[in-house]
């Protein structure tokens, strides 16, 4: 499930004036199911490297929003969670 992003990396990118390159990994759930992170299974993972997101003149929040939107657009809608939830999912 795609949750909200923490701002640390985006803050660093904005301060450094470098672009952010979002990357999506699709199919990892079948290879490493939730709760079984110590056990890897064979499978196929699709890697999507999105277009760079310029950070010049934008806030860390906006850079984060744009990165999340790019990643969410490449995922099945059922896997896109609430952008406000930044929990790790490790309950």
N, C-alpha and C. Protein backbone atom coordinates (compact mmCIF):
# COMPACT_ATOMS: atom_id res chain seq x y z
N UNK A 1 0.84 -1.18 0.00
CA UNK A 1 0.00 0.00 0.00
C UNK A 1 0.89 1.24 0.00
N UNK A 2 0.61 2.14 -0.89
CA UNK A 2 1.35 3.40 -0.97
C UNK A 2 0.81 4.36 0.08
N UNK A 3 1.68 4.78 0.96
CA UNK A 3 1.29 5.73 2.00
C UNK A 3 1.91 7.09 1.69
N UNK A 4 1.73 8.03 2.60
CA UNK A 4 2.35 9.35 2.44
C UNK A 4 3.86 9.24 2.59
N UNK A 5 4.56 10.21 2.08
CA UNK A 5 6.03 10.23 2.14
C UNK A 5 6.49 11.13 3.27
N UNK A 6 7.56 10.74 3.93
CA UNK A 6 8.21 11.62 4.90
C UNK A 6 8.99 12.65 4.10
N UNK A 7 9.19 13.84 4.66
CA UNK A 7 9.75 14.95 3.89
C UNK A 7 11.27 15.05 3.87
N UNK A 8 11.98 14.27 4.68
CA UNK A 8 13.42 14.44 4.82
C UNK A 8 14.19 14.50 3.52
N UNK A 9 14.02 13.50 2.67
CA UNK A 9 14.77 13.45 1.41
C UNK A 9 14.37 14.61 0.48
N UNK A 10 13.11 15.00 0.54
CA UNK A 10 12.64 16.10 -0.30
C UNK A 10 13.21 17.43 0.19
N UNK A 11 13.29 17.59 1.50
CA UNK A 11 13.90 18.80 2.06
C UNK A 11 15.36 18.92 1.64
N UNK A 12 16.08 17.83 1.69
CA UNK A 12 17.49 17.83 1.29
C UNK A 12 17.61 18.17 -0.20
N UNK A 13 16.76 17.56 -1.03
CA UNK A 13 16.81 17.82 -2.47
C UNK A 13 16.52 19.28 -2.79
N UNK A 14 15.51 19.86 -2.12
CA UNK A 14 15.15 21.26 -2.36
C UNK A 14 16.31 22.16 -1.94
N UNK A 15 16.88 21.91 -0.76
CA UNK A 15 18.00 22.73 -0.28
C UNK A 15 19.22 22.61 -1.18
N UNK A 16 19.45 21.43 -1.73
CA UNK A 16 20.60 21.20 -2.61
C UNK A 16 20.33 21.65 -4.04
N UNK A 17 19.05 21.89 -4.36
CA UNK A 17 18.70 22.31 -5.72
C UNK A 17 18.83 21.22 -6.76
N UNK A 18 18.60 19.96 -6.33
CA UNK A 18 18.71 18.84 -7.26
C UNK A 18 17.33 18.24 -7.51
N UNK A 19 17.18 17.63 -8.67
CA UNK A 19 15.92 16.99 -9.01
C UNK A 19 15.72 15.72 -8.18
N UNK A 20 14.46 15.34 -8.05
CA UNK A 20 14.08 14.08 -7.41
C UNK A 20 13.63 13.14 -8.53
N UNK A 21 14.13 11.90 -8.51
CA UNK A 21 13.73 10.91 -9.52
C UNK A 21 12.93 9.81 -8.82
N UNK A 22 11.61 9.85 -8.95
CA UNK A 22 10.78 8.81 -8.32
C UNK A 22 10.98 7.46 -9.01
N UNK A 23 10.98 6.40 -8.22
CA UNK A 23 11.10 5.05 -8.74
C UNK A 23 10.00 4.20 -8.12
N UNK A 24 9.30 3.44 -8.94
CA UNK A 24 8.23 2.56 -8.48
C UNK A 24 8.67 1.12 -8.67
N UNK A 25 8.46 0.30 -7.66
CA UNK A 25 8.70 -1.14 -7.75
C UNK A 25 7.34 -1.84 -7.69
N UNK A 26 6.97 -2.54 -8.74
CA UNK A 26 5.69 -3.23 -8.81
C UNK A 26 5.89 -4.74 -8.77
N UNK A 27 5.13 -5.42 -7.96
CA UNK A 27 5.21 -6.88 -7.88
C UNK A 27 6.02 -7.38 -6.69
N UNK A 28 6.47 -6.48 -5.84
CA UNK A 28 7.30 -6.91 -4.71
C UNK A 28 6.49 -7.66 -3.66
N UNK A 29 5.19 -7.41 -3.59
CA UNK A 29 4.36 -8.09 -2.60
C UNK A 29 4.35 -9.59 -2.77
N UNK A 30 4.42 -10.07 -3.99
CA UNK A 30 4.44 -11.52 -4.24
C UNK A 30 5.79 -12.12 -3.87
N UNK A 31 6.84 -11.33 -3.97
CA UNK A 31 8.19 -11.82 -3.66
C UNK A 31 8.51 -11.74 -2.17
N UNK A 32 7.88 -10.78 -1.47
CA UNK A 32 8.13 -10.60 -0.05
C UNK A 32 6.82 -10.16 0.61
N UNK A 33 5.95 -11.12 0.88
CA UNK A 33 4.65 -10.78 1.45
C UNK A 33 4.77 -10.11 2.82
N UNK A 34 3.82 -9.25 3.12
CA UNK A 34 3.79 -8.56 4.40
C UNK A 34 3.79 -9.57 5.54
N UNK A 35 4.64 -9.31 6.52
CA UNK A 35 4.76 -10.21 7.66
C UNK A 35 5.76 -11.32 7.45
N UNK A 36 6.26 -11.46 6.22
CA UNK A 36 7.24 -12.50 5.90
C UNK A 36 8.49 -11.89 5.27
N UNK A 37 8.90 -10.72 5.79
CA UNK A 37 10.01 -9.99 5.20
C UNK A 37 11.34 -10.74 5.23
N UNK A 38 11.47 -11.72 6.11
CA UNK A 38 12.74 -12.47 6.18
C UNK A 38 12.78 -13.60 5.15
N UNK A 39 11.70 -13.78 4.42
CA UNK A 39 11.62 -14.86 3.44
C UNK A 39 11.36 -14.28 2.05
N UNK A 40 12.31 -14.46 1.14
CA UNK A 40 12.14 -13.98 -0.23
C UNK A 40 11.68 -15.12 -1.13
N UNK A 41 10.79 -14.81 -2.04
CA UNK A 41 10.30 -15.79 -3.01
C UNK A 41 10.70 -15.33 -4.41
N UNK A 42 10.87 -16.27 -5.28
CA UNK A 42 11.17 -15.93 -6.68
C UNK A 42 9.96 -15.25 -7.30
N UNK A 43 10.20 -14.36 -8.20
CA UNK A 43 9.11 -13.67 -8.86
C UNK A 43 9.62 -12.58 -9.77
N UNK A 44 8.70 -11.88 -10.37
CA UNK A 44 9.04 -10.79 -11.28
C UNK A 44 8.68 -9.46 -10.63
N UNK A 45 9.60 -8.52 -10.74
CA UNK A 45 9.39 -7.18 -10.23
C UNK A 45 9.60 -6.22 -11.40
N UNK A 46 8.66 -5.32 -11.57
CA UNK A 46 8.77 -4.31 -12.62
C UNK A 46 9.27 -3.02 -11.98
N UNK A 47 10.29 -2.42 -12.56
CA UNK A 47 10.86 -1.17 -12.06
C UNK A 47 10.50 -0.05 -13.02
N UNK A 48 9.87 1.00 -12.49
CA UNK A 48 9.50 2.15 -13.30
C UNK A 48 10.31 3.35 -12.80
N UNK A 49 11.15 3.90 -13.66
CA UNK A 49 11.91 5.11 -13.33
C UNK A 49 11.16 6.28 -13.97
N UNK A 50 10.63 7.14 -13.13
CA UNK A 50 9.82 8.26 -13.60
C UNK A 50 10.69 9.45 -14.01
N UNK A 51 10.08 10.39 -14.68
CA UNK A 51 10.78 11.61 -15.10
C UNK A 51 11.25 12.38 -13.86
N UNK A 52 12.41 13.01 -13.95
CA UNK A 52 12.90 13.82 -12.82
C UNK A 52 11.91 14.94 -12.48
N UNK A 53 11.82 15.23 -11.19
CA UNK A 53 10.97 16.31 -10.70
C UNK A 53 11.87 17.44 -10.25
N UNK A 54 11.81 18.57 -10.95
CA UNK A 54 12.64 19.72 -10.55
C UNK A 54 12.21 20.23 -9.17
N UNK A 55 13.19 20.63 -8.37
CA UNK A 55 12.87 21.14 -7.03
C UNK A 55 13.09 22.64 -6.92
N UNK A 56 13.66 23.24 -7.95
CA UNK A 56 13.92 24.67 -7.89
C UNK A 56 12.59 25.43 -7.82
N UNK A 57 12.45 26.26 -6.79
CA UNK A 57 11.27 27.10 -6.65
C UNK A 57 10.05 26.40 -6.06
N UNK A 58 10.21 25.16 -5.59
CA UNK A 58 9.08 24.48 -4.96
C UNK A 58 9.44 24.09 -3.52
N UNK A 59 8.45 23.86 -2.72
CA UNK A 59 8.68 23.44 -1.34
C UNK A 59 8.91 21.93 -1.29
N UNK A 60 9.42 21.47 -0.17
CA UNK A 60 9.59 20.03 0.03
C UNK A 60 8.24 19.33 -0.03
N UNK A 61 7.21 19.96 0.52
CA UNK A 61 5.85 19.38 0.46
C UNK A 61 5.38 19.20 -0.97
N UNK A 62 5.61 20.20 -1.81
CA UNK A 62 5.18 20.12 -3.21
C UNK A 62 5.99 19.08 -3.97
N UNK A 63 7.29 19.01 -3.74
CA UNK A 63 8.12 17.99 -4.39
C UNK A 63 7.65 16.60 -3.99
N UNK A 64 7.33 16.43 -2.72
CA UNK A 64 6.82 15.16 -2.22
C UNK A 64 5.48 14.82 -2.87
N UNK A 65 4.60 15.80 -2.97
CA UNK A 65 3.28 15.58 -3.59
C UNK A 65 3.42 15.15 -5.04
N UNK A 66 4.32 15.81 -5.77
CA UNK A 66 4.54 15.47 -7.19
C UNK A 66 5.13 14.07 -7.35
N UNK A 67 6.07 13.72 -6.48
CA UNK A 67 6.68 12.38 -6.55
C UNK A 67 5.65 11.31 -6.24
N UNK A 68 4.85 11.55 -5.22
CA UNK A 68 3.83 10.57 -4.86
C UNK A 68 2.80 10.42 -5.98
N UNK A 69 2.42 11.53 -6.60
CA UNK A 69 1.46 11.48 -7.70
C UNK A 69 2.01 10.67 -8.88
N UNK A 70 3.29 10.85 -9.19
CA UNK A 70 3.90 10.10 -10.29
C UNK A 70 3.91 8.61 -9.99
N UNK A 71 4.27 8.27 -8.77
CA UNK A 71 4.31 6.86 -8.38
C UNK A 71 2.90 6.27 -8.34
N UNK A 72 1.96 7.00 -7.76
CA UNK A 72 0.57 6.52 -7.66
C UNK A 72 -0.03 6.27 -9.03
N UNK A 73 0.32 7.09 -10.01
CA UNK A 73 -0.23 6.94 -11.37
C UNK A 73 0.20 5.64 -12.03
N UNK A 74 1.31 5.06 -11.57
CA UNK A 74 1.80 3.82 -12.19
C UNK A 74 1.34 2.58 -11.43
N UNK A 75 0.60 2.76 -10.35
CA UNK A 75 0.18 1.64 -9.51
C UNK A 75 -1.30 1.34 -9.69
N UNK A 76 -1.69 0.09 -9.42
CA UNK A 76 -3.13 -0.21 -9.38
C UNK A 76 -3.81 0.64 -8.32
N UNK A 77 -4.95 1.20 -8.62
CA UNK A 77 -5.65 2.11 -7.71
C UNK A 77 -5.89 1.48 -6.33
N UNK A 78 -6.11 0.18 -6.29
CA UNK A 78 -6.38 -0.50 -5.01
C UNK A 78 -5.18 -0.45 -4.06
N UNK A 79 -3.99 -0.16 -4.59
CA UNK A 79 -2.78 -0.11 -3.76
C UNK A 79 -2.40 1.30 -3.35
N UNK A 80 -3.16 2.30 -3.79
CA UNK A 80 -2.84 3.69 -3.47
C UNK A 80 -3.62 4.08 -2.22
N UNK A 81 -2.88 4.29 -1.14
CA UNK A 81 -3.50 4.64 0.14
C UNK A 81 -3.60 6.14 0.32
N UNK A 82 -3.82 6.54 1.55
CA UNK A 82 -3.99 7.93 1.94
C UNK A 82 -2.64 8.64 2.00
N UNK A 83 -2.51 9.74 1.31
CA UNK A 83 -1.25 10.50 1.29
C UNK A 83 -0.92 11.06 2.65
N UNK A 84 -1.92 11.21 3.52
CA UNK A 84 -1.68 11.74 4.86
C UNK A 84 -1.10 10.71 5.82
N UNK A 85 -1.17 9.44 5.46
CA UNK A 85 -0.65 8.38 6.32
C UNK A 85 0.81 8.14 6.01
N UNK A 86 1.68 8.55 6.92
CA UNK A 86 3.12 8.35 6.72
C UNK A 86 3.67 7.26 7.62
N UNK A 87 2.78 6.42 8.16
CA UNK A 87 3.25 5.33 9.02
C UNK A 87 4.04 4.33 8.20
N UNK A 88 4.89 3.60 8.87
CA UNK A 88 5.73 2.62 8.18
C UNK A 88 4.97 1.35 7.84
N UNK A 89 3.82 1.16 8.47
CA UNK A 89 3.07 -0.06 8.22
C UNK A 89 3.55 -1.21 9.08
N UNK A 90 4.51 -0.96 9.95
CA UNK A 90 5.06 -2.00 10.81
C UNK A 90 4.39 -1.93 12.16
N UNK A 91 3.22 -2.55 12.28
CA UNK A 91 2.47 -2.51 13.54
C UNK A 91 2.80 -3.67 14.43
